[in-house]
Amino acid sequence: MPKQAKNKPKKQHEWVFAILLFVFFAWLGQLELTHYEQSGIAVIDAALAGKRSSHSEPSK
């Protein structure tokens, strides 16, 4: 019985930790997804603009 009592809290803590971790990443993903999408698009646009300008300059 004492062994089971010692094992149960560990399993509960593992489940709570896993659930909290999942909820944290889900919340972080929902919260930061739009921000990262906007910044990611801005970075991609800047990279494409940089590639276009670097490609267009040598051709001139």
PDB file of N, CA and C in Angstrom:
ATOM      1  N   MET A   1       0.819  -1.219   0.000  1.00  0.00           N
ATOM      2  CA  MET A   1       0.000   0.000   0.000  1.00  0.00           C
ATOM      3  C   MET A   1       0.852   1.269   0.000  1.00  0.00           C
ATOM      4  N   PRO A   2       1.868   1.362   0.847  1.00  0.00           N
ATOM      5  CA  PRO A   2       2.700   2.585   0.818  1.00  0.00           C
ATOM      6  C   PRO A   2       3.353   2.797  -0.539  1.00  0.00           C
ATOM      7  N   LYS A   3       3.749   1.694  -1.210  1.00  0.00           N
ATOM      8  CA  LYS A   3       4.373   1.843  -2.521  1.00  0.00           C
ATOM      9  C   LYS A   3       3.398   2.455  -3.514  1.00  0.00           C
ATOM     10  N   GLN A   4       2.134   1.988  -3.496  1.00  0.00           N
ATOM     11  CA  GLN A   4       1.126   2.540  -4.394  1.00  0.00           C
ATOM     12  C   GLN A   4       0.881   4.018  -4.086  1.00  0.00           C
ATOM     13  N   ALA A   5       0.856   4.355  -2.800  1.00  0.00           N
ATOM     14  CA  ALA A   5       0.628   5.741  -2.389  1.00  0.00           C
ATOM     15  C   ALA A   5       1.768   6.628  -2.884  1.00  0.00           C
ATOM     16  N   LYS A   6       2.989   6.088  -2.888  1.00  0.00           N
ATOM     17  CA  LYS A   6       4.131   6.877  -3.354  1.00  0.00           C
ATOM     18  C   LYS A   6       4.114   7.013  -4.881  1.00  0.00           C
ATOM     19  N   ASN A   7       3.649   5.976  -5.569  1.00  0.00           N
ATOM     20  CA  ASN A   7       3.648   6.006  -7.036  1.00  0.00           C
ATOM     21  C   ASN A   7       2.534   6.895  -7.583  1.00  0.00           C
ATOM     22  N   LYS A   8       1.384   6.922  -6.929  1.00  0.00           N
ATOM     23  CA  LYS A   8       0.259   7.702  -7.445  1.00  0.00           C
ATOM     24  C   LYS A   8       0.586   9.193  -7.566  1.00  0.00           C
ATOM     25  N   PRO A   9       1.141   9.844  -6.551  1.00  0.00           N
ATOM     26  CA  PRO A   9       1.456  11.277  -6.689  1.00  0.00           C
ATOM     27  C   PRO A   9       2.412  11.548  -7.840  1.00  0.00           C
ATOM     28  N   LYS A  10       3.380  10.662  -8.062  1.00  0.00           N
ATOM     29  CA  LYS A  10       4.321  10.868  -9.157  1.00  0.00           C
ATOM     30  C   LYS A  10       3.587  10.849 -10.486  1.00  0.00           C
ATOM     31  N   LYS A  11       2.681   9.858 -10.661  1.00  0.00           N
ATOM     32  CA  LYS A  11       1.923   9.779 -11.907  1.00  0.00           C
ATOM     33  C   LYS A  11       1.042  11.013 -12.063  1.00  0.00           C
ATOM     34  N   GLN A  12       0.417  11.445 -10.962  1.00  0.00           N
ATOM     35  CA  GLN A  12      -0.438  12.622 -11.022  1.00  0.00           C
ATOM     36  C   GLN A  12       0.377  13.857 -11.395  1.00  0.00           C
ATOM     37  N   HIS A  13       1.550  13.988 -10.804  1.00  0.00           N
ATOM     38  CA  HIS A  13       2.394  15.145 -11.122  1.00  0.00           C
ATOM     39  C   HIS A  13       2.838  15.092 -12.582  1.00  0.00           C
ATOM     40  N   GLU A  14       3.133  13.897 -13.087  1.00  0.00           N
ATOM     41  CA  GLU A  14       3.524  13.766 -14.494  1.00  0.00           C
ATOM     42  C   GLU A  14       2.378  14.186 -15.402  1.00  0.00           C
ATOM     43  N   TRP A  15       1.149  13.727 -15.062  1.00  0.00           N
ATOM     44  CA  TRP A  15      -0.015  14.097 -15.882  1.00  0.00           C
ATOM     45  C   TRP A  15      -0.263  15.598 -15.808  1.00  0.00           C
ATOM     46  N   VAL A  16      -0.204  16.158 -14.597  1.00  0.00           N
ATOM     47  CA  VAL A  16      -0.438  17.600 -14.436  1.00  0.00           C
ATOM     48  C   VAL A  16       0.615  18.389 -15.201  1.00  0.00           C
ATOM     49  N   PHE A  17       1.872  17.942 -15.099  1.00  0.00           N
ATOM     50  CA  PHE A  17       2.958  18.633 -15.802  1.00  0.00           C
ATOM     51  C   PHE A  17       2.755  18.543 -17.310  1.00  0.00           C
ATOM     52  N   ALA A  18       2.374  17.369 -17.801  1.00  0.00           N
ATOM     53  CA  ALA A  18       2.156  17.180 -19.238  1.00  0.00           C
ATOM     54  C   ALA A  18       0.992  18.037 -19.717  1.00  0.00           C
ATOM     55  N   ILE A  19      -0.088  18.061 -18.925  1.00  0.00           N
ATOM     56  CA  ILE A  19      -1.264  18.855 -19.307  1.00  0.00           C
ATOM     57  C   ILE A  19      -0.924  20.342 -19.295  1.00  0.00           C
ATOM     58  N   LEU A  20      -0.248  20.786 -18.247  1.00  0.00           N
ATOM     59  CA  LEU A  20       0.130  22.200 -18.177  1.00  0.00           C
ATOM     60  C   LEU A  20       1.059  22.567 -19.325  1.00  0.00           C
ATOM     61  N   LEU A  21       1.992  21.669 -19.643  1.00  0.00           N
ATOM     62  CA  LEU A  21       2.924  21.927 -20.738  1.00  0.00           C
ATOM     63  C   LEU A  21       2.169  22.016 -22.056  1.00  0.00           C
ATOM     64  N   PHE A  22       1.227  21.095 -22.268  1.00  0.00           N
ATOM     65  CA  PHE A  22       0.437  21.101 -23.500  1.00  0.00           C
ATOM     66  C   PHE A  22      -0.402  22.371 -23.599  1.00  0.00           C
ATOM     67  N   VAL A  23      -1.062  22.714 -22.480  1.00  0.00           N
ATOM     68  CA  VAL A  23      -1.894  23.925 -22.461  1.00  0.00           C
ATOM     69  C   VAL A  23      -1.033  25.163 -22.698  1.00  0.00           C
ATOM     70  N   PHE A  24       0.159  25.181 -22.095  1.00  0.00           N
ATOM     71  CA  PHE A  24       1.051  26.333 -22.254  1.00  0.00           C
ATOM     72  C   PHE A  24       1.454  26.500 -23.709  1.00  0.00           C
ATOM     73  N   PHE A  25       1.852  25.392 -24.351  1.00  0.00           N
ATOM     74  CA  PHE A  25       2.272  25.484 -25.751  1.00  0.00           C
ATOM     75  C   PHE A  25       1.087  25.808 -26.656  1.00  0.00           C
ATOM     76  N   ALA A  26      -0.089  25.265 -26.336  1.00  0.00           N
ATOM     77  CA  ALA A  26      -1.281  25.565 -27.139  1.00  0.00           C
ATOM     78  C   ALA A  26      -1.630  27.048 -27.007  1.00  0.00           C
ATOM     79  N   TRP A  27      -1.586  27.565 -25.762  1.00  0.00           N
ATOM     80  CA  TRP A  27      -1.885  28.987 -25.535  1.00  0.00           C
ATOM     81  C   TRP A  27      -0.818  29.851 -26.189  1.00  0.00           C
ATOM     82  N   LEU A  28       0.441  29.449 -26.042  1.00  0.00           N
ATOM     83  CA  LEU A  28       1.533  30.210 -26.638  1.00  0.00           C
ATOM     84  C   LEU A  28       1.400  30.197 -28.155  1.00  0.00           C
ATOM     85  N   GLY A  29       1.036  29.045 -28.706  1.00  0.00           N
ATOM     86  CA  GLY A  29       0.862  28.938 -30.155  1.00  0.00           C
ATOM     87  C   GLY A  29      -0.260  29.831 -30.656  1.00  0.00           C
ATOM     88  N   GLN A  30      -1.394  29.818 -29.955  1.00  0.00           N
ATOM     89  CA  GLN A  30      -2.515  30.658 -30.374  1.00  0.00           C
ATOM     90  C   GLN A  30      -2.162  32.129 -30.219  1.00  0.00           C
ATOM     91  N   LEU A  31      -1.459  32.460 -29.135  1.00  0.00           N
ATOM     92  CA  LEU A  31      -1.139  33.853 -28.843  1.00  0.00           C
ATOM     93  C   LEU A  31      -0.092  34.381 -29.819  1.00  0.00           C
ATOM     94  N   GLU A  32       0.950  33.577 -30.051  1.00  0.00           N
ATOM     95  CA  GLU A  32       2.089  34.055 -30.821  1.00  0.00           C
ATOM     96  C   GLU A  32       2.017  33.716 -32.313  1.00  0.00           C
ATOM     97  N   LEU A  33       1.044  32.881 -32.702  1.00  0.00           N
ATOM     98  CA  LEU A  33       0.991  32.447 -34.099  1.00  0.00           C
ATOM     99  C   LEU A  33       0.817  33.650 -35.020  1.00  0.00           C
ATOM    100  N   THR A  34      -0.140  34.522 -34.696  1.00  0.00           N
ATOM    101  CA  THR A  34      -0.380  35.671 -35.555  1.00  0.00           C
ATOM    102  C   THR A  34       0.841  36.585 -35.564  1.00  0.00           C
ATOM    103  N   HIS A  35       1.469  36.762 -34.410  1.00  0.00           N
ATOM    104  CA  HIS A  35       2.651  37.625 -34.335  1.00  0.00           C
ATOM    105  C   HIS A  35       3.780  37.040 -35.182  1.00  0.00           C
ATOM    106  N   TYR A  36       4.003  35.727 -35.049  1.00  0.00           N
ATOM    107  CA  TYR A  36       5.080  35.099 -35.811  1.00  0.00           C
ATOM    108  C   TYR A  36       4.732  35.054 -37.292  1.00  0.00           C
ATOM    109  N   GLU A  37       3.439  34.891 -37.621  1.00  0.00           N
ATOM    110  CA  GLU A  37       3.040  34.907 -39.024  1.00  0.00           C
ATOM    111  C   GLU A  37       3.321  36.284 -39.617  1.00  0.00           C
ATOM    112  N   GLN A  38       2.951  37.338 -38.894  1.00  0.00           N
ATOM    113  CA  GLN A  38       3.166  38.692 -39.400  1.00  0.00           C
ATOM    114  C   GLN A  38       4.658  38.976 -39.548  1.00  0.00           C
ATOM    115  N   SER A  39       5.434  38.659 -38.513  1.00  0.00           N
ATOM    116  CA  SER A  39       6.874  38.912 -38.578  1.00  0.00           C
ATOM    117  C   SER A  39       7.517  38.004 -39.617  1.00  0.00           C
ATOM    118  N   GLY A  40       7.015  36.764 -39.708  1.00  0.00           N
ATOM    119  CA  GLY A  40       7.554  35.824 -40.700  1.00  0.00           C
ATOM    120  C   GLY A  40       7.289  36.326 -42.110  1.00  0.00           C
ATOM    121  N   ILE A  41       6.075  36.822 -42.353  1.00  0.00           N
ATOM    122  CA  ILE A  41       5.746  37.364 -43.675  1.00  0.00           C
ATOM    123  C   ILE A  41       6.614  38.579 -43.956  1.00  0.00           C
ATOM    124  N   ALA A  42       6.814  39.419 -42.951  1.00  0.00           N
ATOM    125  CA  ALA A  42       7.655  40.599 -43.128  1.00  0.00           C
ATOM    126  C   ALA A  42       9.083  40.184 -43.468  1.00  0.00           C
ATOM    127  N   VAL A  43       9.588  39.168 -42.785  1.00  0.00           N
ATOM    128  CA  VAL A  43      10.950  38.694 -43.047  1.00  0.00           C
ATOM    129  C   VAL A  43      11.035  38.102 -44.448  1.00  0.00           C
ATOM    130  N   ILE A  44      10.007  37.329 -44.825  1.00  0.00           N
ATOM    131  CA  ILE A  44      10.001  36.726 -46.165  1.00  0.00           C
ATOM    132  C   ILE A  44       9.923  37.826 -47.225  1.00  0.00           C
ATOM    133  N   ASP A  45       9.067  38.812 -47.001  1.00  0.00           N
ATOM    134  CA  ASP A  45       8.967  39.922 -47.949  1.00  0.00           C
ATOM    135  C   ASP A  45      10.302  40.651 -48.063  1.00  0.00           C
ATOM    136  N   ALA A  46      10.944  40.887 -46.935  1.00  0.00           N
ATOM    137  CA  ALA A  46      12.236  41.573 -46.950  1.00  0.00           C
ATOM    138  C   ALA A  46      13.274  40.712 -47.674  1.00  0.00           C
ATOM    139  N   ALA A  47      13.236  39.401 -47.426  1.00  0.00           N
ATOM    140  CA  ALA A  47      14.190  38.505 -48.081  1.00  0.00           C
ATOM    141  C   ALA A  47      13.941  38.482 -49.580  1.00  0.00           C
ATOM    142  N   LEU A  48      12.678  38.413 -49.968  1.00  0.00           N
ATOM    143  CA  LEU A  48      12.353  38.414 -51.400  1.00  0.00           C
ATOM    144  C   LEU A  48      12.749  39.752 -52.021  1.00  0.00           C
ATOM    145  N   ALA A  49      12.481  40.836 -51.319  1.00  0.00           N
ATOM    146  CA  ALA A  49      12.857  42.156 -51.822  1.00  0.00           C
ATOM    147  C   ALA A  49      14.376  42.239 -51.944  1.00  0.00           C
ATOM    148  N   GLY A  50      15.081  41.684 -50.959  1.00  0.00           N
ATOM    149  CA  GLY A  50      16.541  41.690 -51.001  1.00  0.00           C
ATOM    150  C   GLY A  50      17.048  40.859 -52.172  1.00  0.00           C
ATOM    151  N   LYS A  51      16.438  39.699 -52.399  1.00  0.00           N
ATOM    152  CA  LYS A  51      16.845  38.853 -53.517  1.00  0.00           C
ATOM    153  C   LYS A  51      16.533  39.546 -54.838  1.00  0.00           C
ATOM    154  N   ARG A  52      15.363  40.157 -54.927  1.00  0.00           N
ATOM    155  CA  ARG A  52      14.979  40.841 -56.164  1.00  0.00           C
ATOM    156  C   ARG A  52      15.949  41.987 -56.457  1.00  0.00           C
ATOM    157  N   SER A  53      16.260  42.774 -55.415  1.00  0.00           N
ATOM    158  CA  SER A  53      17.144  43.921 -55.624  1.00  0.00           C
ATOM    159  C   SER A  53      18.557  43.437 -55.973  1.00  0.00           C
ATOM    160  N   SER A  54      19.009  42.368 -55.297  1.00  0.00           N
ATOM    161  CA  SER A  54      20.358  41.866 -55.573  1.00  0.00           C
ATOM    162  C   SER A  54      20.411  41.225 -56.956  1.00  0.00           C
ATOM    163  N   HIS A  55      19.305  40.610 -57.385  1.00  0.00           N
ATOM    164  CA  HIS A  55      19.275  39.997 -58.716  1.00  0.00           C
ATOM    165  C   HIS A  55      19.123  41.074 -59.793  1.00  0.00           C
ATOM    166  N   SER A  56      18.368  42.123 -59.485  1.00  0.00           N
ATOM    167  CA  SER A  56      18.114  43.148 -60.496  1.00  0.00           C
ATOM    168  C   SER A  56      19.343  44.056 -60.659  1.00  0.00           C
ATOM    169  N   GLU A  57      20.110  44.273 -59.590  1.00  0.00           N
ATOM    170  CA  GLU A  57      21.263  45.168 -59.679  1.00  0.00           C
ATOM    171  C   GLU A  57      22.351  44.617 -60.622  1.00  0.00           C
ATOM    172  N   PRO A  58      22.752  43.336 -60.493  1.00  0.00           N
ATOM    173  CA  PRO A  58      23.779  42.839 -61.410  1.00  0.00           C
ATOM    174  C   PRO A  58      23.303  42.834 -62.865  1.00  0.00           C
ATOM    175  N   SER A  59      22.005  42.602 -63.087  1.00  0.00           N
ATOM    176  CA  SER A  59      21.505  42.563 -64.458  1.00  0.00           C
ATOM    177  C   SER A  59      21.607  43.948 -65.094  1.00  0.00           C
ATOM    178  N   LYS A  60      21.502  44.985 -64.272  1.00  0.00           N
ATOM    179  CA  LYS A  60      21.628  46.341 -64.808  1.00  0.00           C
ATOM    180  C   LYS A  60      23.103  46.596 -65.099  1.00  0.00           C
TER     181      LYS A  60
END
